[in-house]
Amino acid sequence: WIASQLTREMPSYLECWSCGESYSWESGRFSKTQWLKGEDAARCKTCVSADGGVGGATGDGSGGYTTVRDNVTQRYASTSGDTSVGAEVYKNSVFDEGAFKVVYKGLYTGGSRKGEECVFKKFKRDVAHRSDYFDKDVRAAEKAAELVDKWNRLGLTRLKIRINVPAVLSTGDRTKWLVEPFVHNWKKFNSNTGWHCTDDDVCDIMQALSHYSYHVSGGQFLLCDIQGGVYRDGVILSDPIIISREAERFGGGDLGPHGIS
């Protein structure tokens, strides 16, 4: 009877009443009881079990508390670099690509994020890169999280800013990947060559963050190429670039002193 109720005249996806995110029944993100409540009532397992605490993860800076309804970026950001015990990449089609990397979608197959979407990123074949660029990308994300944490603790804006720190994984064919949770509502805010958006207040905040990163580091670092997912409570940044006083210290996008100037 329960199985028939789960499929009878029910949508393939349900939107969680608390966080506003949509999931399929197969994702395992809804209990049977919540799924049967339908639209405007169902709550995902994360929202049902949430106790209001966000902990003190790197790049958090939210003061150690939040509410269920606005705790959205915390759920979808990975600030540890240890996203899951396993993940599967969908190699049948390219999801997106940038100047340096090509991106495929995937799915976490184990750990706390089992059943959730993720992205697999690898360097393009025609882009010159060294084997240590993967580790340098992780270090760039960790440095960005450190700078963002300082910004968040100032409390200058209601928006929480978080960083997706990728994990470095290898698939069976020995391909090396940067893997991190998939984020929604993607937007690019600035580049590492001077361009920046001017669409709205969030663009202004991201520009202020870049400016702040330079000053708080004593002119040693510049957080740029800021891009990511825009949520109701903030922004999750992905694949940031750190420009330092030593070119390529944080990967190919680190243009050194010339890039800072």
Protein backbone atom coordinates (compact mmCIF):
# COMPACT_ATOMS: atom_id res chain seq x y z
CA TRP A 1 0.00 0.00 0.00
CA ILE A 2 2.79 2.45 0.90
CA ALA A 3 4.55 1.80 -2.41
CA SER A 4 1.37 2.53 -4.35
CA GLN A 5 0.81 5.73 -2.37
CA LEU A 6 4.37 6.89 -3.06
CA THR A 7 3.89 6.71 -6.81
CA ARG A 8 0.15 7.41 -7.28
CA GLU A 9 -0.40 10.89 -8.70
CA MET A 10 2.78 12.13 -7.08
CA PRO A 11 5.42 14.29 -8.80
CA SER A 12 8.81 12.83 -9.63
CA TYR A 13 10.37 15.54 -7.44
CA LEU A 14 9.23 17.27 -4.27
CA GLU A 15 10.33 20.63 -2.94
CA CYS A 16 11.24 20.68 0.73
CA TRP A 17 8.99 23.12 2.57
CA SER A 18 11.84 24.23 4.87
CA CYS A 19 14.87 24.68 2.63
CA GLY A 20 13.22 25.00 -0.79
CA GLU A 21 15.38 22.35 -2.47
CA SER A 22 13.86 19.67 -4.72
CA TYR A 23 14.68 15.95 -4.54
CA SER A 24 13.42 12.77 -6.16
CA TRP A 25 12.07 9.88 -4.09
CA GLU A 26 15.02 7.78 -5.29
CA SER A 27 17.50 10.23 -3.75
CA GLY A 28 16.48 9.03 -0.30
CA ARG A 29 16.23 12.61 0.97
CA PHE A 30 12.60 12.21 2.12
CA SER A 31 11.15 9.71 4.57
CA LYS A 32 7.99 7.88 3.47
CA THR A 33 5.92 9.90 5.93
CA GLN A 34 7.21 13.24 4.64
CA TRP A 35 6.94 12.23 0.95
CA LEU A 36 3.27 11.37 1.38
CA LYS A 37 2.59 14.87 2.70
CA GLY A 38 3.25 16.24 -0.78
CA GLU A 39 3.97 19.79 -1.86
CA ASP A 40 3.76 22.64 0.68
CA ALA A 41 4.19 20.24 3.60
CA ALA A 42 6.97 17.69 2.99
CA ARG A 43 10.35 18.31 4.65
CA CYS A 44 13.60 16.59 3.68
CA LYS A 45 15.49 14.43 6.18
CA THR A 46 18.11 17.11 6.75
CA CYS A 47 15.52 19.70 7.78
CA VAL A 48 13.60 17.23 9.92
CA SER A 49 16.71 16.22 11.85
CA ALA A 50 18.37 19.63 11.97
CA ASP A 51 19.01 20.87 15.48
CA GLY A 52 20.07 24.38 14.52
CA GLY A 53 23.84 23.94 14.91
CA VAL A 54 26.32 24.47 12.10
CA GLY A 55 29.51 23.80 14.01
CA GLY A 56 32.76 25.59 13.35
CA ALA A 57 33.90 24.31 9.96
CA THR A 58 36.53 26.23 8.05
CA GLY A 59 34.99 29.11 6.15
CA ASP A 60 31.86 29.03 8.28
CA GLY A 61 32.11 32.22 10.33
CA SER A 62 28.41 32.17 11.10
CA GLY A 63 28.83 32.28 14.85
CA GLY A 64 27.94 28.62 15.50
CA TYR A 65 24.17 28.88 15.12
CA THR A 66 21.49 29.28 12.50
CA THR A 67 17.86 28.41 11.83
CA VAL A 68 16.50 25.54 9.78
CA ARG A 69 14.88 27.79 7.18
CA ASP A 70 17.97 29.83 6.35
CA ASN A 71 20.57 27.10 6.85
CA VAL A 72 20.92 26.40 3.14
CA THR A 73 24.51 27.15 2.17
CA GLN A 74 25.83 25.12 5.11
CA ARG A 75 24.06 22.04 3.82
CA TYR A 76 25.34 22.27 0.28
CA ALA A 77 28.89 23.50 0.87
CA SER A 78 31.79 21.20 1.63
CA THR A 79 34.35 23.01 3.74
CA SER A 80 36.49 19.98 4.59
CA GLY A 81 37.67 18.58 1.25
CA ASP A 82 36.53 15.12 2.44
CA THR A 83 33.19 15.05 0.69
CA SER A 84 32.37 11.35 0.70
CA VAL A 85 33.80 7.86 0.81
CA GLY A 86 32.80 7.29 -2.80
CA ALA A 87 31.46 8.99 -5.91
CA GLU A 88 30.53 8.02 -9.46
CA VAL A 89 31.19 10.26 -12.47
CA TYR A 90 28.88 10.47 -15.50
CA LYS A 91 31.33 10.55 -18.41
CA ASN A 92 28.74 10.36 -21.18
CA SER A 93 28.53 14.14 -21.57
CA VAL A 94 30.37 17.28 -20.49
CA PHE A 95 28.33 19.39 -18.09
CA ASP A 96 30.39 22.58 -18.33
CA GLU A 97 33.90 23.85 -18.93
CA GLY A 98 36.11 26.80 -18.12
CA ALA A 99 39.46 28.09 -19.28
CA PHE A 100 41.39 25.34 -17.47
CA LYS A 101 39.00 22.52 -16.64
CA VAL A 102 36.20 20.40 -18.02
CA VAL A 103 33.32 19.48 -15.68
CA TYR A 104 31.15 16.36 -15.46
CA LYS A 105 28.25 15.68 -13.13
CA GLY A 106 28.30 12.75 -10.76
CA LEU A 107 26.69 11.20 -7.70
CA TYR A 108 28.02 10.44 -4.23
CA THR A 109 27.77 6.70 -3.61
CA GLY A 110 28.72 6.64 0.06
CA GLY A 111 29.18 8.68 3.20
CA SER A 112 26.94 11.39 4.59
CA ARG A 113 26.24 12.78 1.10
CA LYS A 114 25.19 9.45 -0.44
CA GLY A 115 22.64 10.03 -3.20
CA GLU A 116 23.50 13.72 -3.61
CA GLU A 117 24.79 15.27 -6.82
CA CYS A 118 28.43 16.26 -7.20
CA VAL A 119 30.75 17.52 -9.92
CA PHE A 120 33.99 16.01 -11.21
CA LYS A 121 36.56 18.44 -12.61
CA LYS A 122 39.73 17.64 -14.54
CA PHE A 123 42.24 19.74 -16.43
CA LYS A 124 41.80 20.01 -20.18
CA ARG A 125 44.25 18.02 -22.27
CA ASP A 126 45.35 21.08 -24.22
CA VAL A 127 46.01 23.12 -21.07
CA ALA A 128 49.55 22.91 -19.79
CA HIS A 129 49.54 21.91 -16.14
CA ARG A 130 51.71 20.10 -13.68
CA SER A 131 50.65 17.13 -11.56
CA ASP A 132 50.76 19.28 -8.42
CA TYR A 133 48.07 21.61 -9.77
CA PHE A 134 45.39 19.38 -8.20
CA ASP A 135 46.87 19.85 -4.73
CA LYS A 136 47.41 23.53 -5.45
CA ASP A 137 43.73 23.92 -6.32
CA VAL A 138 42.84 22.43 -2.95
CA ARG A 139 45.28 24.79 -1.21
CA ALA A 140 43.74 27.74 -3.07
CA ALA A 141 40.27 26.73 -1.82
CA GLU A 142 41.58 26.34 1.72
CA LYS A 143 43.26 29.77 1.62
CA ALA A 144 40.05 31.26 0.20
CA ALA A 145 38.10 29.66 3.07
CA GLU A 146 40.51 31.23 5.56
CA LEU A 147 40.01 34.69 4.05
CA VAL A 148 36.24 34.23 3.77
CA ASP A 149 36.06 33.15 7.41
CA LYS A 150 37.65 36.44 8.47
CA TRP A 151 35.20 38.34 6.27
CA ASN A 152 32.18 36.48 7.68
CA ARG A 153 33.20 37.21 11.24
CA LEU A 154 33.02 40.95 10.57
CA GLY A 155 29.25 40.65 10.16
CA LEU A 156 29.10 43.28 7.43
CA THR A 157 26.31 41.54 5.51
CA ARG A 158 23.51 39.08 6.18
CA LEU A 159 24.83 36.80 3.43
CA LYS A 160 26.86 33.78 4.50
CA ILE A 161 29.75 33.08 2.16
CA ARG A 162 31.19 29.58 2.07
CA ILE A 163 33.77 27.75 -0.01
CA ASN A 164 33.51 24.32 -1.59
CA VAL A 165 36.87 22.69 -0.83
CA PRO A 166 37.30 19.83 -3.33
CA ALA A 167 38.58 16.33 -2.69
CA VAL A 168 41.18 14.83 -5.04
CA LEU A 169 39.97 11.41 -6.23
CA SER A 170 41.11 8.93 -8.88
CA THR A 171 38.75 6.72 -10.89
CA GLY A 172 39.44 3.18 -12.07
CA ASP A 173 41.04 4.38 -15.30
CA ARG A 174 43.56 6.38 -13.23
CA THR A 175 42.01 9.70 -14.18
CA LYS A 176 42.57 12.28 -11.47
CA TRP A 177 39.64 14.51 -10.49
CA LEU A 178 38.66 17.36 -8.22
CA VAL A 179 35.29 16.38 -6.70
CA GLU A 180 32.90 18.60 -4.77
CA PRO A 181 29.15 18.98 -4.13
CA PHE A 182 27.01 20.33 -6.96
CA VAL A 183 25.73 23.86 -6.37
CA HIS A 184 22.67 25.50 -7.88
CA ASN A 185 21.94 28.98 -9.30
CA TRP A 186 25.44 29.46 -10.70
CA LYS A 187 26.79 32.97 -11.20
CA LYS A 188 30.22 34.42 -11.95
CA PHE A 189 31.10 37.57 -9.99
CA ASN A 190 34.62 38.48 -11.13
CA SER A 191 37.71 37.12 -12.87
CA ASN A 192 41.46 37.08 -12.24
CA THR A 193 42.04 39.68 -14.98
CA GLY A 194 39.87 42.58 -13.78
CA TRP A 195 36.35 41.83 -15.03
CA HIS A 196 33.47 41.98 -12.51
CA CYS A 197 29.69 41.89 -12.64
CA THR A 198 27.53 44.89 -11.76
CA ASP A 199 24.06 43.31 -11.80
CA ASP A 200 23.04 43.58 -8.16
CA ASP A 201 24.09 44.01 -4.53
CA VAL A 202 25.58 40.51 -4.40
CA CYS A 203 28.03 41.55 -7.13
CA ASP A 204 29.04 44.52 -5.00
CA ILE A 205 29.53 42.30 -1.95
CA MET A 206 31.76 39.89 -3.87
CA GLN A 207 33.87 42.79 -5.14
CA ALA A 208 34.19 44.06 -1.58
CA LEU A 209 35.31 40.57 -0.52
CA SER A 210 38.08 40.56 -3.13
CA HIS A 211 39.20 44.02 -2.02
CA TYR A 212 39.11 42.94 1.62
CA SER A 213 41.21 39.82 0.96
CA TYR A 214 44.05 41.97 -0.33
CA HIS A 215 44.05 44.31 2.65
CA VAL A 216 43.51 41.71 5.41
CA SER A 217 46.47 39.71 4.05
CA GLY A 218 48.73 42.75 3.98
CA GLY A 219 48.79 42.75 0.19
CA GLN A 220 50.05 39.15 0.01
CA PHE A 221 46.93 37.53 -1.46
CA LEU A 222 43.98 38.44 -3.66
CA LEU A 223 40.87 36.27 -3.75
CA CYS A 224 39.35 36.50 -7.22
CA ASP A 225 37.66 34.57 -10.01
CA ILE A 226 34.79 34.45 -7.55
CA GLN A 227 31.90 32.30 -8.76
CA GLY A 228 29.38 29.89 -7.32
CA GLY A 229 25.79 29.22 -6.32
CA VAL A 230 23.45 31.91 -4.99
CA TYR A 231 21.10 30.72 -2.23
CA ARG A 232 18.48 32.42 -0.09
CA ASP A 233 20.93 32.84 2.80
CA GLY A 234 24.20 33.40 0.96
CA VAL A 235 26.64 32.18 -1.65
CA ILE A 236 28.68 28.98 -2.03
CA LEU A 237 31.90 29.73 -3.90
CA SER A 238 33.61 27.14 -6.06
CA ASP A 239 36.96 26.97 -7.86
CA PRO A 240 38.28 30.33 -6.58
CA ILE A 241 41.67 31.70 -7.59
CA ILE A 242 44.20 33.05 -5.13
CA ILE A 243 46.79 35.39 -6.63
CA SER A 244 49.92 35.59 -4.52
CA ARG A 245 53.33 37.24 -4.61
CA GLU A 246 54.77 34.03 -6.10
CA ALA A 247 53.28 33.12 -9.49
CA GLU A 248 51.60 29.68 -9.64
CA ARG A 249 51.96 29.11 -5.91
CA PHE A 250 48.22 28.36 -5.94
CA GLY A 251 47.99 26.92 -9.46
CA GLY A 252 47.87 28.13 -13.02
CA GLY A 253 45.43 30.96 -12.27
CA ASP A 254 47.85 32.53 -9.78
CA LEU A 255 49.34 35.27 -11.95
CA GLY A 256 51.72 36.55 -9.28
CA PRO A 257 52.54 40.24 -8.59
CA HIS A 258 51.47 41.26 -12.09
CA GLY A 259 48.01 39.80 -11.48
CA ILE A 260 47.64 41.60 -8.15
CA SER A 261 48.57 44.94 -9.72
